[in-house]
Amino acid sequence: MIALHGGLSEEMIYGLGGGFFIALLFFIFRHYRMYKSDYYNEEYVYFSSGRKFILYLGFLVVNLCVAYALFFIFMLVCGVISSYLIKNF
């Protein structure tokens, strides 16, 4: 899918942009939901800083795995949609 001139094609640029945008929205949404949860506001406050750090690293690892999958799924979806729109319009 690399263009003959050696650069990225328009479809790949739109796909990368769309995938990055969806992954970023996912991270913002998950952090907001965690911040507003009852667990974070009532129980998480009393944990030691070491335990908070370990829990947050676990939260980030799980969310990075999901965001990685979302990035590639939506990169392909946005690439296919942009390819269709570029060819037909």
Protein backbone atom coordinates (compact mmCIF):
# COMPACT_ATOMS: atom_id res chain seq x y z
CA MET A 1 0.00 0.00 0.00
CA ILE A 2 3.05 2.26 -0.23
CA ALA A 3 2.75 4.69 -3.14
CA LEU A 4 5.22 4.47 -6.02
CA HIS A 5 6.82 7.79 -5.08
CA GLY A 6 8.03 6.24 -1.81
CA GLY A 7 5.70 8.08 0.55
CA LEU A 8 2.49 7.12 2.25
CA SER A 9 -0.67 7.07 0.18
CA GLU A 10 -3.63 9.25 1.10
CA GLU A 11 -5.54 6.21 2.32
CA MET A 12 -2.79 5.32 4.77
CA ILE A 13 -2.52 8.87 6.09
CA TYR A 14 -6.28 9.08 6.64
CA GLY A 15 -6.27 5.61 8.20
CA LEU A 16 -3.42 6.45 10.58
CA GLY A 17 -5.11 9.72 11.55
CA GLY A 18 -8.47 8.03 12.13
CA GLY A 19 -6.95 5.19 14.13
CA PHE A 20 -4.93 7.58 16.28
CA PHE A 21 -8.01 9.76 16.88
CA ILE A 22 -10.13 6.78 18.00
CA ALA A 23 -7.35 5.46 20.29
CA LEU A 24 -6.95 8.93 21.84
CA LEU A 25 -10.71 9.22 22.40
CA PHE A 26 -10.67 5.79 24.04
CA PHE A 27 -7.92 6.85 26.48
CA ILE A 28 -9.69 10.11 27.36
CA PHE A 29 -13.00 8.29 27.89
CA ARG A 30 -11.48 5.52 30.06
CA HIS A 31 -9.54 7.96 32.25
CA TYR A 32 -12.63 10.13 32.69
CA ARG A 33 -14.76 7.10 33.62
CA MET A 34 -12.12 5.94 36.11
CA TYR A 35 -11.85 9.41 37.66
CA LYS A 36 -15.63 9.65 38.09
CA SER A 37 -16.06 6.12 39.49
CA ASP A 38 -17.05 5.51 43.10
CA TYR A 39 -14.10 3.17 43.57
CA TYR A 40 -11.60 5.90 42.65
CA ASN A 41 -13.22 8.54 44.85
CA GLU A 42 -13.91 6.38 47.93
CA GLU A 43 -11.46 3.45 48.19
CA TYR A 44 -8.51 4.29 45.91
CA VAL A 45 -7.74 7.40 47.98
CA TYR A 46 -6.68 5.32 51.00
CA PHE A 47 -4.17 3.10 49.14
CA SER A 48 -0.45 3.59 49.58
CA SER A 49 1.37 5.38 46.77
CA GLY A 50 3.15 2.15 45.75
CA ARG A 51 -0.11 0.27 45.42
CA LYS A 52 -1.68 3.18 43.50
CA PHE A 53 1.27 3.11 41.10
CA ILE A 54 0.96 -0.64 40.51
CA LEU A 55 -2.81 -0.42 39.96
CA TYR A 56 -2.40 2.49 37.56
CA LEU A 57 0.30 0.63 35.60
CA GLY A 58 -2.06 -2.33 35.31
CA PHE A 59 -4.82 -0.02 34.15
CA LEU A 60 -2.49 1.49 31.52
CA VAL A 61 -1.29 -1.89 30.26
CA VAL A 62 -4.82 -3.17 29.75
CA ASN A 63 -5.92 0.07 28.10
CA LEU A 64 -2.84 0.14 25.85
CA CYS A 65 -3.65 -3.36 24.62
CA VAL A 66 -7.24 -2.37 23.86
CA ALA A 67 -6.18 0.94 22.29
CA TYR A 68 -3.61 -0.90 20.14
CA ALA A 69 -6.34 -3.18 18.79
CA LEU A 70 -8.73 -0.25 18.30
CA PHE A 71 -6.03 1.69 16.48
CA PHE A 72 -5.49 -1.02 13.89
CA ILE A 73 -9.17 -1.85 13.47
CA PHE A 74 -10.13 1.78 12.91
CA MET A 75 -7.01 2.40 10.80
CA LEU A 76 -8.25 -0.26 8.41
CA VAL A 77 -11.84 1.00 8.53
CA CYS A 78 -10.82 4.62 7.89
CA GLY A 79 -8.42 3.50 5.16
CA VAL A 80 -11.13 1.54 3.35
CA ILE A 81 -13.64 4.39 3.64
CA SER A 82 -11.14 7.00 2.45
CA SER A 83 -10.03 4.73 -0.41
CA TYR A 84 -13.65 4.38 -1.53
CA LEU A 85 -14.28 8.13 -1.26
CA ILE A 86 -11.04 9.08 -3.04
CA LYS A 87 -11.77 6.74 -5.98
CA ASN A 88 -15.44 7.65 -6.38
CA PHE A 89 -15.42 11.39 -5.82
